[in-house]
């Protein structure tokens, strides 16, 4: 019985996340991924839009608990803000550093053992794989 409940919960949670495509999937050009300097499992993806950005903020914790915030951000007084839920993210991008501040009811978009971390996120460097010729 436990196995059936676990599998049902797993399928349901996967289908809930599949309702909205990720920014990395939607973005045609200009995608930037920032990784938390305090926890490498936390990530913020941004994709430029006409007057702002599309955002995905994702945080993974113990026992597969996670937070996920998805939406659009517009510039307000020099910083960008997303607040489609009670949880809001204000951020500024300065070169390769994104300074993030999560406020409000962010616990409601998170699993029981996870939360968003405010602070500095550094742009992920893409590594080019070179194939050796033999």
N, C-alpha and C. Protein backbone atom coordinates (compact mmCIF):
# COMPACT_ATOMS: atom_id res chain seq x y z
N UNK A 1 0.82 -1.20 0.00
CA UNK A 1 0.00 0.00 0.00
C UNK A 1 0.87 1.26 0.00
N UNK A 2 1.93 1.24 0.82
CA UNK A 2 2.83 2.40 0.86
C UNK A 2 3.43 2.67 -0.52
N UNK A 3 3.78 1.60 -1.22
CA UNK A 3 4.38 1.73 -2.54
C UNK A 3 3.42 2.40 -3.51
N UNK A 4 2.16 2.04 -3.47
CA UNK A 4 1.15 2.63 -4.35
C UNK A 4 0.97 4.11 -4.05
N UNK A 5 0.90 4.46 -2.76
CA UNK A 5 0.76 5.86 -2.36
C UNK A 5 1.98 6.66 -2.79
N UNK A 6 3.18 6.10 -2.59
CA UNK A 6 4.41 6.79 -2.98
C UNK A 6 4.44 7.03 -4.48
N UNK A 7 4.13 6.00 -5.27
CA UNK A 7 4.14 6.14 -6.74
C UNK A 7 3.10 7.16 -7.21
N UNK A 8 1.93 7.15 -6.59
CA UNK A 8 0.88 8.12 -6.95
C UNK A 8 1.34 9.54 -6.67
N UNK A 9 1.95 9.72 -5.50
CA UNK A 9 2.44 11.06 -5.13
C UNK A 9 3.55 11.51 -6.08
N UNK A 10 4.42 10.60 -6.46
CA UNK A 10 5.51 10.92 -7.37
C UNK A 10 4.99 11.32 -8.74
N UNK A 11 4.03 10.60 -9.26
CA UNK A 11 3.43 10.92 -10.57
C UNK A 11 2.71 12.26 -10.50
N UNK A 12 1.95 12.49 -9.45
CA UNK A 12 1.22 13.74 -9.29
C UNK A 12 2.18 14.92 -9.19
N UNK A 13 3.25 14.79 -8.39
CA UNK A 13 4.18 15.91 -8.24
C UNK A 13 4.88 16.21 -9.56
N UNK A 14 5.22 15.20 -10.33
CA UNK A 14 5.84 15.41 -11.64
C UNK A 14 4.90 16.09 -12.60
N UNK A 15 3.62 15.73 -12.56
CA UNK A 15 2.67 16.35 -13.48
C UNK A 15 2.39 17.79 -13.09
N UNK A 16 2.45 18.12 -11.82
CA UNK A 16 2.24 19.50 -11.39
C UNK A 16 3.36 20.39 -11.90
N UNK A 17 4.59 19.89 -11.87
CA UNK A 17 5.71 20.68 -12.36
C UNK A 17 5.68 20.79 -13.87
N UNK A 18 5.08 19.84 -14.54
CA UNK A 18 5.07 19.85 -16.01
C UNK A 18 4.06 20.83 -16.58
N UNK A 19 3.20 21.42 -15.75
CA UNK A 19 2.18 22.33 -16.24
C UNK A 19 2.78 23.59 -16.88
N UNK A 20 3.90 24.04 -16.38
CA UNK A 20 4.53 25.23 -16.95
C UNK A 20 5.92 24.86 -17.43
N UNK A 21 6.24 25.20 -18.67
CA UNK A 21 7.58 24.87 -19.16
C UNK A 21 8.63 25.69 -18.44
N UNK A 22 9.83 25.15 -18.36
CA UNK A 22 10.91 25.87 -17.70
C UNK A 22 11.44 26.97 -18.61
N UNK A 23 12.06 27.95 -18.00
CA UNK A 23 12.64 29.07 -18.74
C UNK A 23 13.72 28.56 -19.69
N UNK A 24 14.52 27.60 -19.23
CA UNK A 24 15.59 27.09 -20.10
C UNK A 24 15.01 26.43 -21.35
N UNK A 25 13.82 25.86 -21.25
CA UNK A 25 13.15 25.26 -22.40
C UNK A 25 12.54 26.34 -23.30
N UNK A 26 11.95 27.37 -22.69
CA UNK A 26 11.27 28.43 -23.45
C UNK A 26 12.22 29.41 -24.12
N UNK A 27 13.37 29.64 -23.51
CA UNK A 27 14.28 30.71 -23.94
C UNK A 27 14.92 30.40 -25.28
N UNK A 28 14.78 31.32 -26.21
CA UNK A 28 15.36 31.13 -27.54
C UNK A 28 16.80 31.64 -27.60
N UNK A 29 17.11 32.72 -26.89
CA UNK A 29 18.49 33.21 -26.83
C UNK A 29 18.66 34.10 -25.61
N UNK A 30 19.87 34.12 -25.09
CA UNK A 30 20.19 34.98 -23.96
C UNK A 30 19.98 34.35 -22.60
N UNK A 31 19.75 33.02 -22.54
CA UNK A 31 19.55 32.36 -21.25
C UNK A 31 20.81 32.48 -20.40
N UNK A 32 20.61 32.87 -19.14
CA UNK A 32 21.71 32.93 -18.18
C UNK A 32 21.30 32.12 -16.96
N UNK A 33 22.20 31.26 -16.49
CA UNK A 33 21.97 30.44 -15.32
C UNK A 33 22.92 30.88 -14.22
N UNK A 34 22.36 31.13 -13.04
CA UNK A 34 23.14 31.56 -11.88
C UNK A 34 23.01 30.51 -10.79
N UNK A 35 24.14 30.14 -10.18
CA UNK A 35 24.20 29.13 -9.13
C UNK A 35 24.53 29.83 -7.81
N UNK A 36 23.82 29.43 -6.74
CA UNK A 36 24.05 30.02 -5.43
C UNK A 36 25.49 29.81 -4.98
N UNK A 37 26.09 30.84 -4.41
CA UNK A 37 27.44 30.71 -3.91
C UNK A 37 27.49 29.95 -2.59
N UNK A 38 26.33 29.77 -1.93
CA UNK A 38 26.31 29.04 -0.66
C UNK A 38 25.80 27.61 -0.80
N UNK A 39 25.05 27.30 -1.85
CA UNK A 39 24.53 25.96 -2.06
C UNK A 39 24.39 25.70 -3.55
N UNK A 40 25.25 24.87 -4.10
CA UNK A 40 25.31 24.67 -5.55
C UNK A 40 24.06 23.99 -6.13
N UNK A 41 23.14 23.52 -5.28
CA UNK A 41 21.91 22.93 -5.79
C UNK A 41 20.85 23.99 -6.09
N UNK A 42 21.09 25.23 -5.68
CA UNK A 42 20.12 26.31 -5.89
C UNK A 42 20.49 27.09 -7.15
N UNK A 43 19.47 27.37 -7.97
CA UNK A 43 19.72 27.94 -9.29
C UNK A 43 18.65 28.97 -9.64
N UNK A 44 19.05 30.00 -10.36
CA UNK A 44 18.10 30.96 -10.93
C UNK A 44 18.43 31.09 -12.41
N UNK A 45 17.44 30.79 -13.26
CA UNK A 45 17.58 30.96 -14.71
C UNK A 45 16.83 32.21 -15.11
N UNK A 46 17.45 33.05 -15.93
CA UNK A 46 16.76 34.23 -16.45
C UNK A 46 16.89 34.25 -17.97
N UNK A 47 15.82 34.72 -18.62
CA UNK A 47 15.79 34.85 -20.07
C UNK A 47 15.21 36.22 -20.39
N UNK A 48 15.91 37.03 -21.18
CA UNK A 48 15.40 38.37 -21.49
C UNK A 48 14.08 38.32 -22.25
N UNK A 49 13.18 39.23 -21.86
CA UNK A 49 11.92 39.45 -22.57
C UNK A 49 11.94 40.90 -23.04
N UNK A 50 10.83 41.33 -23.61
CA UNK A 50 10.75 42.68 -24.16
C UNK A 50 11.11 43.75 -23.12
N UNK A 51 10.52 43.69 -21.92
CA UNK A 51 10.79 44.72 -20.90
C UNK A 51 11.09 44.08 -19.55
N UNK A 52 11.86 43.02 -19.54
CA UNK A 52 12.18 42.35 -18.28
C UNK A 52 12.77 40.98 -18.53
N UNK A 53 12.44 40.04 -17.68
CA UNK A 53 12.98 38.69 -17.76
C UNK A 53 11.91 37.66 -17.44
N UNK A 54 12.04 36.46 -18.01
CA UNK A 54 11.34 35.28 -17.53
C UNK A 54 12.28 34.65 -16.52
N UNK A 55 11.72 34.13 -15.44
CA UNK A 55 12.52 33.63 -14.32
C UNK A 55 12.10 32.22 -13.92
N UNK A 56 13.07 31.40 -13.57
CA UNK A 56 12.87 30.16 -12.82
C UNK A 56 13.84 30.21 -11.66
N UNK A 57 13.33 30.10 -10.45
CA UNK A 57 14.18 29.95 -9.27
C UNK A 57 13.87 28.57 -8.72
N UNK A 58 14.92 27.76 -8.54
CA UNK A 58 14.75 26.39 -8.08
C UNK A 58 15.74 26.12 -6.95
N UNK A 59 15.22 25.48 -5.89
CA UNK A 59 16.06 25.11 -4.76
C UNK A 59 15.73 23.68 -4.38
N UNK A 60 16.77 22.83 -4.26
CA UNK A 60 16.58 21.43 -3.89
C UNK A 60 17.17 21.18 -2.52
N UNK A 61 16.45 20.40 -1.71
CA UNK A 61 16.92 20.10 -0.36
C UNK A 61 16.85 18.61 -0.05
N UNK A 62 16.79 18.32 1.25
CA UNK A 62 16.78 16.94 1.73
C UNK A 62 15.53 16.20 1.27
N UNK A 63 15.69 14.90 1.05
CA UNK A 63 14.59 14.01 0.69
C UNK A 63 13.78 14.51 -0.52
N UNK A 64 14.46 15.14 -1.46
CA UNK A 64 13.85 15.62 -2.70
C UNK A 64 12.82 16.73 -2.48
N UNK A 65 12.88 17.43 -1.36
CA UNK A 65 12.02 18.60 -1.17
C UNK A 65 12.58 19.71 -2.05
N UNK A 66 11.70 20.54 -2.58
CA UNK A 66 12.17 21.59 -3.47
C UNK A 66 11.27 22.81 -3.41
N UNK A 67 11.79 23.91 -3.90
CA UNK A 67 11.03 25.14 -4.12
C UNK A 67 11.14 25.45 -5.60
N UNK A 68 10.08 26.00 -6.17
CA UNK A 68 10.12 26.40 -7.57
C UNK A 68 9.26 27.63 -7.74
N UNK A 69 9.85 28.67 -8.28
CA UNK A 69 9.15 29.92 -8.55
C UNK A 69 9.35 30.24 -10.03
N UNK A 70 8.26 30.44 -10.75
CA UNK A 70 8.32 30.66 -12.19
C UNK A 70 7.46 31.87 -12.53
N UNK A 71 7.95 32.75 -13.38
CA UNK A 71 7.16 33.89 -13.79
C UNK A 71 7.96 34.90 -14.57
N UNK A 72 7.43 36.11 -14.65
CA UNK A 72 8.09 37.21 -15.35
C UNK A 72 8.44 38.30 -14.36
N UNK A 73 9.54 38.98 -14.62
CA UNK A 73 9.98 40.06 -13.74
C UNK A 73 10.10 41.35 -14.54
N UNK A 74 9.63 42.43 -13.98
CA UNK A 74 9.75 43.75 -14.58
C UNK A 74 10.64 44.62 -13.69
N UNK A 75 11.28 45.61 -14.30
CA UNK A 75 12.17 46.48 -13.54
C UNK A 75 11.35 47.45 -12.70
N UNK A 76 11.69 47.53 -11.42
CA UNK A 76 11.06 48.47 -10.49
C UNK A 76 12.17 49.12 -9.68
N UNK A 77 12.37 50.40 -9.89
CA UNK A 77 13.38 51.17 -9.15
C UNK A 77 14.77 50.52 -9.18
N UNK A 78 15.22 50.12 -10.34
CA UNK A 78 16.57 49.61 -10.48
C UNK A 78 16.76 48.13 -10.21
N UNK A 79 15.72 47.46 -9.72
CA UNK A 79 15.84 46.01 -9.55
C UNK A 79 14.63 45.35 -10.20
N UNK A 80 14.71 44.06 -10.37
CA UNK A 80 13.63 43.31 -10.99
C UNK A 80 12.88 42.54 -9.92
N UNK A 81 11.58 42.36 -10.12
CA UNK A 81 10.78 41.70 -9.10
C UNK A 81 9.77 40.76 -9.75
N UNK A 82 9.65 39.57 -9.17
CA UNK A 82 8.62 38.62 -9.57
C UNK A 82 7.79 38.33 -8.33
N UNK A 83 6.48 38.43 -8.47
CA UNK A 83 5.63 38.18 -7.31
C UNK A 83 4.26 37.66 -7.75
N UNK A 84 4.25 36.59 -8.54
CA UNK A 84 2.99 35.99 -8.96
C UNK A 84 2.30 35.25 -7.81
N UNK A 85 3.04 34.98 -6.74
CA UNK A 85 2.50 34.31 -5.56
C UNK A 85 2.78 35.20 -4.36
N UNK A 86 2.55 34.68 -3.17
CA UNK A 86 2.91 35.43 -1.96
C UNK A 86 4.41 35.54 -1.79
N UNK A 87 5.14 34.70 -2.50
CA UNK A 87 6.60 34.73 -2.47
C UNK A 87 7.09 35.70 -3.53
N UNK A 88 7.98 36.60 -3.16
CA UNK A 88 8.52 37.52 -4.16
C UNK A 88 10.04 37.42 -4.20
N UNK A 89 10.58 37.64 -5.36
CA UNK A 89 12.02 37.64 -5.59
C UNK A 89 12.40 38.98 -6.17
N UNK A 90 13.26 39.70 -5.47
CA UNK A 90 13.84 40.93 -6.01
C UNK A 90 15.30 40.62 -6.31
N UNK A 91 15.78 41.11 -7.46
CA UNK A 91 17.17 40.81 -7.79
C UNK A 91 17.78 41.89 -8.67
N UNK A 92 19.11 41.95 -8.63
CA UNK A 92 19.89 42.81 -9.50
C UNK A 92 20.99 41.96 -10.12
N UNK A 93 21.30 42.23 -11.37
CA UNK A 93 22.38 41.53 -12.05
C UNK A 93 23.51 42.53 -12.28
N UNK A 94 24.69 42.17 -11.80
CA UNK A 94 25.88 43.00 -11.99
C UNK A 94 26.97 42.11 -12.56
N UNK A 95 27.12 42.12 -13.88
CA UNK A 95 28.11 41.25 -14.53
C UNK A 95 27.71 39.80 -14.39
N UNK A 96 28.58 39.01 -13.74
CA UNK A 96 28.32 37.58 -13.56
C UNK A 96 27.67 37.26 -12.21
N UNK A 97 27.30 38.29 -11.45
CA UNK A 97 26.69 38.07 -10.12
C UNK A 97 25.25 38.55 -10.12
N UNK A 98 24.37 37.70 -9.62
CA UNK A 98 22.96 38.05 -9.42
C UNK A 98 22.75 38.10 -7.90
N UNK A 99 22.30 39.24 -7.39
CA UNK A 99 21.99 39.39 -5.96
C UNK A 99 20.49 39.19 -5.79
N UNK A 100 20.10 38.15 -5.05
CA UNK A 100 18.70 37.77 -4.91
C UNK A 100 18.22 38.00 -3.48
N UNK A 101 16.96 38.45 -3.38
CA UNK A 101 16.32 38.60 -2.07
C UNK A 101 14.91 38.02 -2.18
N UNK A 102 14.68 36.93 -1.45
CA UNK A 102 13.36 36.28 -1.41
C UNK A 102 12.62 36.80 -0.18
N UNK A 103 11.34 37.17 -0.38
CA UNK A 103 10.53 37.70 0.71
C UNK A 103 9.12 37.16 0.64
N UNK A 104 8.41 37.26 1.75
CA UNK A 104 6.99 36.89 1.77
C UNK A 104 6.78 35.43 2.09
N UNK A 105 5.69 34.90 1.59
CA UNK A 105 5.28 33.54 1.89
C UNK A 105 5.95 32.50 1.02
N UNK A 106 7.25 32.52 0.95
CA UNK A 106 7.97 31.58 0.09
C UNK A 106 7.85 30.14 0.58
N UNK A 107 7.59 29.93 1.85
CA UNK A 107 7.44 28.57 2.36
C UNK A 107 6.28 27.84 1.70
N UNK A 108 5.31 28.59 1.16
CA UNK A 108 4.14 27.97 0.53
C UNK A 108 4.44 27.40 -0.85
N UNK A 109 5.56 27.77 -1.45
CA UNK A 109 5.95 27.20 -2.74
C UNK A 109 7.10 26.21 -2.57
N UNK A 110 7.34 25.79 -1.33
CA UNK A 110 8.46 24.91 -1.02
C UNK A 110 7.98 23.65 -0.31
N UNK A 111 8.78 22.60 -0.41
CA UNK A 111 8.54 21.40 0.37
C UNK A 111 8.87 21.68 1.83
N UNK A 112 8.53 20.75 2.69
CA UNK A 112 8.66 20.95 4.13
C UNK A 112 10.09 21.19 4.59
N UNK A 113 11.05 20.65 3.88
CA UNK A 113 12.45 20.76 4.32
C UNK A 113 13.30 21.61 3.40
N UNK A 114 12.70 22.55 2.72
CA UNK A 114 13.49 23.39 1.81
C UNK A 114 12.97 24.81 1.83
N UNK A 115 13.82 25.74 1.44
CA UNK A 115 13.48 27.15 1.36
C UNK A 115 14.44 27.82 0.38
N UNK A 116 14.03 28.97 -0.12
CA UNK A 116 14.90 29.74 -1.00
C UNK A 116 15.95 30.46 -0.17
N UNK A 117 17.13 30.61 -0.74
CA UNK A 117 18.22 31.30 -0.06
C UNK A 117 18.50 32.63 -0.75
N UNK A 118 18.37 33.70 0.00
CA UNK A 118 18.75 35.02 -0.51
C UNK A 118 20.27 35.09 -0.51
N UNK A 119 20.81 35.93 -1.37
CA UNK A 119 22.26 36.09 -1.41
C UNK A 119 22.78 36.19 -2.83
N UNK A 120 24.06 35.89 -2.99
CA UNK A 120 24.73 36.01 -4.28
C UNK A 120 24.68 34.70 -5.05
N UNK A 121 24.38 34.83 -6.33
CA UNK A 121 24.38 33.71 -7.27
C UNK A 121 25.35 34.07 -8.38
N UNK A 122 26.25 33.14 -8.72
CA UNK A 122 27.26 33.41 -9.74
C UNK A 122 26.87 32.71 -11.04
N UNK A 123 27.09 33.43 -12.15
CA UNK A 123 26.74 32.86 -13.46
C UNK A 123 27.54 31.59 -13.70
N UNK A 124 26.84 30.56 -14.15
CA UNK A 124 27.46 29.28 -14.45
C UNK A 124 28.25 29.41 -15.74
N UNK A 125 29.50 28.97 -15.71
CA UNK A 125 30.34 29.01 -16.90
C UNK A 125 30.09 27.75 -17.71
N UNK A 126 29.84 27.94 -18.97
CA UNK A 126 29.65 26.80 -19.85
C UNK A 126 31.00 26.28 -20.30
N UNK A 127 31.18 25.00 -20.22
CA UNK A 127 32.45 24.39 -20.60
C UNK A 127 32.29 23.78 -21.99
N UNK A 128 33.20 24.12 -22.87
CA UNK A 128 33.18 23.56 -24.21
C UNK A 128 33.96 22.25 -24.20
N UNK A 129 33.33 21.21 -24.66
CA UNK A 129 34.00 19.90 -24.72
C UNK A 129 34.68 19.78 -26.08
N UNK A 130 35.97 19.55 -26.03
CA UNK A 130 36.73 19.41 -27.27
C UNK A 130 36.96 17.93 -27.51
N UNK A 131 36.66 17.51 -28.71
CA UNK A 131 36.88 16.11 -29.08
C UNK A 131 38.29 15.98 -29.66
N UNK A 132 39.02 15.03 -29.14
CA UNK A 132 40.36 14.82 -29.68
C UNK A 132 40.26 14.02 -30.99
N UNK A 133 41.11 14.37 -31.90
CA UNK A 133 41.11 13.65 -33.17
C UNK A 133 42.16 12.57 -33.10
N UNK A 134 41.76 11.38 -33.43
CA UNK A 134 42.69 10.25 -33.35
C UNK A 134 42.98 9.71 -34.73
